[in-house]
Amino acid sequence: MPGTTKAAYTRYALAAALHLGQLVRLKRIEHRITSEEFADRLGISRGTVQRLERGDPKVALGIAFEACALLGIPLFEEERARLTARIEDADQRLALLPKAARARAVVLDDDF
């Protein structure tokens, strides 16, 4: 396709995606949930579940996070309150950054 670029992933990112996929598959099997049932619960295809479990880094991040949430796989913090506190802390730190470090709004010149 013209205009598309192929993403290059570091070995670390590929290893992390593989490990996450392994955790999802292990928990799914421990819970005795078939890949078809899991796909239905996530609202995705069985093929996407298989790609996630194989560690395909192109599977959407939201799908991977939702799969982990449904299976009880902690990603950052096990307690929701602690995760909320970390989000608030990051928001405060981002607010302290100088404006030059933040994304600039694009101003369109519509004078003809």
N, C-alpha and C. Protein backbone atom coordinates (compact mmCIF):
# COMPACT_ATOMS: atom_id res chain seq x y z
N MET A 1 0.84 -1.18 0.00
CA MET A 1 0.00 0.00 0.00
C MET A 1 0.88 1.24 0.00
N PRO A 2 0.62 2.18 -0.85
CA PRO A 2 1.41 3.40 -0.86
C PRO A 2 1.13 4.23 0.40
N GLY A 3 2.18 4.81 0.93
CA GLY A 3 2.04 5.69 2.08
C GLY A 3 2.04 5.00 3.42
N THR A 4 2.09 3.68 3.45
CA THR A 4 2.13 2.98 4.73
C THR A 4 3.56 2.59 5.05
N THR A 5 3.86 2.55 6.32
CA THR A 5 5.18 2.14 6.76
C THR A 5 5.05 0.93 7.66
N LYS A 6 6.05 0.10 7.64
CA LYS A 6 6.05 -1.10 8.47
C LYS A 6 6.73 -0.75 9.79
N ALA A 7 6.08 -1.05 10.89
CA ALA A 7 6.64 -0.76 12.20
C ALA A 7 7.79 -1.73 12.48
N ALA A 8 8.84 -1.20 13.07
CA ALA A 8 9.96 -2.02 13.51
C ALA A 8 9.90 -2.10 15.03
N TYR A 9 9.96 -3.31 15.55
CA TYR A 9 9.85 -3.50 16.99
C TYR A 9 11.21 -3.93 17.54
N THR A 10 11.53 -3.43 18.72
CA THR A 10 12.76 -3.84 19.37
C THR A 10 12.61 -5.26 19.89
N ARG A 11 13.73 -5.90 20.16
CA ARG A 11 13.67 -7.26 20.73
C ARG A 11 12.92 -7.25 22.05
N TYR A 12 13.13 -6.20 22.84
CA TYR A 12 12.45 -6.10 24.13
C TYR A 12 10.94 -6.04 23.94
N ALA A 13 10.48 -5.21 23.00
CA ALA A 13 9.04 -5.09 22.76
C ALA A 13 8.46 -6.41 22.27
N LEU A 14 9.17 -7.09 21.40
CA LEU A 14 8.69 -8.39 20.91
C LEU A 14 8.65 -9.42 22.03
N ALA A 15 9.67 -9.41 22.89
CA ALA A 15 9.70 -10.35 24.02
C ALA A 15 8.57 -10.05 24.99
N ALA A 16 8.30 -8.76 25.24
CA ALA A 16 7.22 -8.38 26.15
C ALA A 16 5.87 -8.81 25.59
N ALA A 17 5.66 -8.62 24.29
CA ALA A 17 4.40 -9.04 23.66
C ALA A 17 4.25 -10.56 23.73
N LEU A 18 5.33 -11.28 23.52
CA LEU A 18 5.29 -12.74 23.60
C LEU A 18 4.94 -13.18 25.02
N HIS A 19 5.59 -12.57 26.00
CA HIS A 19 5.33 -12.94 27.40
C HIS A 19 3.88 -12.63 27.79
N LEU A 20 3.39 -11.48 27.38
CA LEU A 20 2.00 -11.13 27.67
C LEU A 20 1.06 -12.15 27.05
N GLY A 21 1.33 -12.54 25.81
CA GLY A 21 0.51 -13.54 25.15
C GLY A 21 0.54 -14.88 25.88
N GLN A 22 1.71 -15.25 26.37
CA GLN A 22 1.83 -16.50 27.14
C GLN A 22 1.00 -16.44 28.41
N LEU A 23 1.05 -15.28 29.10
CA LEU A 23 0.27 -15.12 30.33
C LEU A 23 -1.22 -15.22 30.04
N VAL A 24 -1.66 -14.59 28.97
CA VAL A 24 -3.08 -14.64 28.59
C VAL A 24 -3.50 -16.08 28.30
N ARG A 25 -2.70 -16.78 27.51
CA ARG A 25 -3.06 -18.17 27.17
C ARG A 25 -3.08 -19.05 28.42
N LEU A 26 -2.08 -18.90 29.25
CA LEU A 26 -2.00 -19.70 30.48
C LEU A 26 -3.22 -19.47 31.36
N LYS A 27 -3.57 -18.22 31.60
CA LYS A 27 -4.73 -17.91 32.45
C LYS A 27 -6.04 -18.37 31.81
N ARG A 28 -6.14 -18.19 30.50
CA ARG A 28 -7.36 -18.62 29.81
C ARG A 28 -7.55 -20.12 29.97
N ILE A 29 -6.48 -20.88 29.81
CA ILE A 29 -6.56 -22.33 29.95
C ILE A 29 -6.83 -22.72 31.40
N GLU A 30 -6.18 -22.03 32.35
CA GLU A 30 -6.42 -22.31 33.77
C GLU A 30 -7.89 -22.09 34.13
N HIS A 31 -8.50 -21.08 33.52
CA HIS A 31 -9.92 -20.79 33.77
C HIS A 31 -10.85 -21.67 32.94
N ARG A 32 -10.27 -22.55 32.15
CA ARG A 32 -11.01 -23.47 31.29
C ARG A 32 -11.98 -22.75 30.35
N ILE A 33 -11.44 -21.70 29.73
CA ILE A 33 -12.19 -20.92 28.76
C ILE A 33 -11.62 -21.24 27.38
N THR A 34 -12.46 -21.62 26.45
CA THR A 34 -11.97 -21.89 25.10
C THR A 34 -11.63 -20.56 24.42
N SER A 35 -10.83 -20.65 23.37
CA SER A 35 -10.49 -19.43 22.63
C SER A 35 -11.73 -18.83 21.98
N GLU A 36 -12.67 -19.67 21.59
CA GLU A 36 -13.93 -19.16 21.02
C GLU A 36 -14.74 -18.38 22.05
N GLU A 37 -14.86 -18.95 23.26
CA GLU A 37 -15.60 -18.27 24.34
C GLU A 37 -14.91 -16.96 24.71
N PHE A 38 -13.59 -17.00 24.77
CA PHE A 38 -12.85 -15.80 25.14
C PHE A 38 -13.01 -14.71 24.08
N ALA A 39 -12.95 -15.12 22.82
CA ALA A 39 -13.16 -14.17 21.73
C ALA A 39 -14.54 -13.52 21.84
N ASP A 40 -15.56 -14.34 22.14
CA ASP A 40 -16.92 -13.80 22.30
C ASP A 40 -16.99 -12.80 23.44
N ARG A 41 -16.35 -13.12 24.55
CA ARG A 41 -16.35 -12.21 25.71
C ARG A 41 -15.66 -10.89 25.39
N LEU A 42 -14.61 -10.96 24.57
CA LEU A 42 -13.87 -9.75 24.21
C LEU A 42 -14.49 -9.00 23.04
N GLY A 43 -15.38 -9.68 22.32
CA GLY A 43 -15.99 -9.06 21.14
C GLY A 43 -15.03 -8.99 19.96
N ILE A 44 -14.16 -9.99 19.85
CA ILE A 44 -13.19 -10.05 18.77
C ILE A 44 -13.25 -11.43 18.12
N SER A 45 -12.47 -11.61 17.08
CA SER A 45 -12.44 -12.92 16.41
C SER A 45 -11.51 -13.88 17.15
N ARG A 46 -11.73 -15.15 16.91
CA ARG A 46 -10.86 -16.18 17.49
C ARG A 46 -9.43 -16.01 16.97
N GLY A 47 -9.29 -15.58 15.73
CA GLY A 47 -7.97 -15.34 15.15
C GLY A 47 -7.21 -14.26 15.89
N THR A 48 -7.91 -13.23 16.34
CA THR A 48 -7.26 -12.16 17.10
C THR A 48 -6.80 -12.69 18.45
N VAL A 49 -7.60 -13.54 19.08
CA VAL A 49 -7.17 -14.17 20.34
C VAL A 49 -5.90 -14.97 20.10
N GLN A 50 -5.87 -15.73 19.02
CA GLN A 50 -4.69 -16.53 18.71
C GLN A 50 -3.47 -15.65 18.47
N ARG A 51 -3.65 -14.54 17.76
CA ARG A 51 -2.53 -13.61 17.51
C ARG A 51 -2.04 -13.01 18.82
N LEU A 52 -2.97 -12.64 19.70
CA LEU A 52 -2.59 -12.10 21.01
C LEU A 52 -1.77 -13.12 21.78
N GLU A 53 -2.23 -14.35 21.81
CA GLU A 53 -1.56 -15.40 22.57
C GLU A 53 -0.22 -15.80 21.96
N ARG A 54 -0.02 -15.55 20.68
CA ARG A 54 1.27 -15.81 20.04
C ARG A 54 2.24 -14.64 20.22
N GLY A 55 1.73 -13.53 20.77
CA GLY A 55 2.59 -12.38 21.00
C GLY A 55 2.72 -11.43 19.83
N ASP A 56 1.71 -11.40 18.98
CA ASP A 56 1.73 -10.49 17.84
C ASP A 56 1.64 -9.05 18.36
N PRO A 57 2.67 -8.23 18.12
CA PRO A 57 2.66 -6.87 18.65
C PRO A 57 1.67 -5.94 17.96
N LYS A 58 1.06 -6.40 16.87
CA LYS A 58 0.10 -5.57 16.16
C LYS A 58 -1.32 -5.68 16.71
N VAL A 59 -1.53 -6.57 17.68
CA VAL A 59 -2.85 -6.66 18.32
C VAL A 59 -3.05 -5.36 19.11
N ALA A 60 -4.23 -4.79 19.00
CA ALA A 60 -4.51 -3.51 19.65
C ALA A 60 -4.25 -3.57 21.15
N LEU A 61 -3.66 -2.52 21.65
CA LEU A 61 -3.32 -2.43 23.07
C LEU A 61 -4.57 -2.56 23.94
N GLY A 62 -5.66 -1.95 23.53
CA GLY A 62 -6.90 -2.03 24.29
C GLY A 62 -7.41 -3.45 24.41
N ILE A 63 -7.27 -4.22 23.35
CA ILE A 63 -7.69 -5.62 23.39
C ILE A 63 -6.83 -6.40 24.37
N ALA A 64 -5.52 -6.18 24.31
CA ALA A 64 -4.61 -6.89 25.22
C ALA A 64 -4.91 -6.52 26.67
N PHE A 65 -5.14 -5.25 26.95
CA PHE A 65 -5.45 -4.82 28.32
C PHE A 65 -6.78 -5.41 28.78
N GLU A 66 -7.78 -5.42 27.90
CA GLU A 66 -9.09 -5.97 28.27
C GLU A 66 -8.99 -7.47 28.53
N ALA A 67 -8.20 -8.17 27.72
CA ALA A 67 -7.99 -9.61 27.93
C ALA A 67 -7.37 -9.84 29.31
N CYS A 68 -6.39 -9.03 29.66
CA CYS A 68 -5.75 -9.17 30.97
C CYS A 68 -6.73 -8.86 32.10
N ALA A 69 -7.54 -7.85 31.91
CA ALA A 69 -8.52 -7.48 32.94
C ALA A 69 -9.53 -8.60 33.15
N LEU A 70 -10.02 -9.20 32.06
CA LEU A 70 -11.00 -10.28 32.18
C LEU A 70 -10.42 -11.51 32.87
N LEU A 71 -9.12 -11.74 32.67
CA LEU A 71 -8.49 -12.93 33.24
C LEU A 71 -7.84 -12.68 34.60
N GLY A 72 -7.84 -11.42 35.04
CA GLY A 72 -7.23 -11.10 36.33
C GLY A 72 -5.71 -11.05 36.29
N ILE A 73 -5.15 -10.68 35.15
CA ILE A 73 -3.70 -10.54 35.02
C ILE A 73 -3.34 -9.09 35.32
N PRO A 74 -2.62 -8.84 36.43
CA PRO A 74 -2.25 -7.46 36.76
C PRO A 74 -1.17 -6.95 35.81
N LEU A 75 -1.32 -5.71 35.36
CA LEU A 75 -0.33 -5.11 34.47
C LEU A 75 0.54 -4.10 35.19
N PHE A 76 -0.07 -3.16 35.88
CA PHE A 76 0.70 -2.12 36.56
C PHE A 76 0.51 -2.21 38.07
N GLU A 77 -0.69 -2.19 38.49
CA GLU A 77 -1.05 -2.26 39.91
C GLU A 77 -2.23 -3.21 40.04
N GLU A 78 -2.20 -4.02 41.08
CA GLU A 78 -3.32 -4.94 41.28
C GLU A 78 -4.54 -4.22 41.83
N GLU A 79 -4.32 -3.18 42.61
CA GLU A 79 -5.44 -2.44 43.21
C GLU A 79 -5.79 -1.24 42.36
N ARG A 80 -7.07 -1.08 42.06
CA ARG A 80 -7.53 0.03 41.23
C ARG A 80 -7.17 1.38 41.84
N ALA A 81 -7.26 1.51 43.16
CA ALA A 81 -6.97 2.78 43.82
C ALA A 81 -5.50 3.18 43.60
N ARG A 82 -4.61 2.20 43.64
CA ARG A 82 -3.19 2.51 43.42
C ARG A 82 -2.94 2.92 41.98
N LEU A 83 -3.63 2.28 41.04
CA LEU A 83 -3.49 2.66 39.64
C LEU A 83 -4.02 4.07 39.43
N THR A 84 -5.15 4.38 40.03
CA THR A 84 -5.71 5.73 39.93
C THR A 84 -4.74 6.76 40.49
N ALA A 85 -4.10 6.44 41.60
CA ALA A 85 -3.12 7.35 42.20
C ALA A 85 -1.93 7.56 41.26
N ARG A 86 -1.49 6.51 40.60
CA ARG A 86 -0.37 6.65 39.66
C ARG A 86 -0.76 7.51 38.46
N ILE A 87 -2.00 7.36 37.99
CA ILE A 87 -2.49 8.17 36.87
C ILE A 87 -2.52 9.64 37.27
N GLU A 88 -3.04 9.92 38.46
CA GLU A 88 -3.10 11.30 38.95
C GLU A 88 -1.71 11.89 39.11
N ASP A 89 -0.77 11.10 39.61
CA ASP A 89 0.62 11.56 39.76
C ASP A 89 1.22 11.91 38.40
N ALA A 90 1.00 11.07 37.41
CA ALA A 90 1.53 11.34 36.07
C ALA A 90 0.89 12.59 35.48
N ASP A 91 -0.41 12.78 35.71
CA ASP A 91 -1.10 13.99 35.23
C ASP A 91 -0.47 15.24 35.84
N GLN A 92 -0.20 15.19 37.14
CA GLN A 92 0.41 16.35 37.82
C GLN A 92 1.80 16.63 37.28
N ARG A 93 2.58 15.59 37.05
CA ARG A 93 3.93 15.77 36.53
C ARG A 93 3.89 16.33 35.12
N LEU A 94 2.96 15.84 34.29
CA LEU A 94 2.83 16.35 32.93
C LEU A 94 2.42 17.83 32.92
N ALA A 95 1.58 18.21 33.88
CA ALA A 95 1.13 19.60 33.96
C ALA A 95 2.29 20.54 34.29
N LEU A 96 3.33 20.03 34.92
CA LEU A 96 4.48 20.85 35.30
C LEU A 96 5.49 21.05 34.17
N LEU A 97 5.35 20.29 33.10
CA LEU A 97 6.28 20.42 31.99
C LEU A 97 6.11 21.77 31.32
N PRO A 98 7.20 22.34 30.82
CA PRO A 98 7.07 23.61 30.10
C PRO A 98 6.26 23.42 28.83
N LYS A 99 5.63 24.48 28.38
CA LYS A 99 4.78 24.39 27.20
C LYS A 99 5.53 23.90 25.98
N ALA A 100 6.82 24.19 25.90
CA ALA A 100 7.62 23.76 24.75
C ALA A 100 7.69 22.24 24.67
N ALA A 101 7.53 21.55 25.79
CA ALA A 101 7.61 20.09 25.79
C ALA A 101 6.27 19.45 25.46
N ARG A 102 5.21 20.24 25.45
CA ARG A 102 3.89 19.72 25.12
C ARG A 102 3.62 19.86 23.63
N ALA A 103 2.68 19.11 23.14
CA ALA A 103 2.32 19.19 21.73
C ALA A 103 1.72 20.56 21.44
N ARG A 104 2.09 21.11 20.31
CA ARG A 104 1.56 22.42 19.92
C ARG A 104 0.31 22.24 19.07
N ALA A 105 -0.61 23.14 19.25
CA ALA A 105 -1.83 23.12 18.43
C ALA A 105 -1.48 23.58 17.03
N VAL A 106 -2.06 22.95 16.05
CA VAL A 106 -1.84 23.31 14.67
C VAL A 106 -2.79 24.44 14.32
N VAL A 107 -2.25 25.55 13.80
CA VAL A 107 -3.07 26.68 13.40
C VAL A 107 -3.16 26.66 11.88
N LEU A 108 -4.38 26.56 11.39
CA LEU A 108 -4.57 26.52 9.96
C LEU A 108 -4.76 27.93 9.43
N ASP A 109 -4.08 28.22 8.34
CA ASP A 109 -4.22 29.52 7.69
C ASP A 109 -5.27 29.35 6.61
N ASP A 110 -6.47 29.85 6.91
CA ASP A 110 -7.55 29.68 5.94
C ASP A 110 -7.85 30.95 5.15
N ASP A 111 -6.92 31.90 5.14
CA ASP A 111 -7.10 33.10 4.33
C ASP A 111 -6.77 32.76 2.88
N PHE A 112 -7.69 33.08 1.98
CA PHE A 112 -7.46 32.78 0.57
C PHE A 112 -7.10 34.00 -0.19
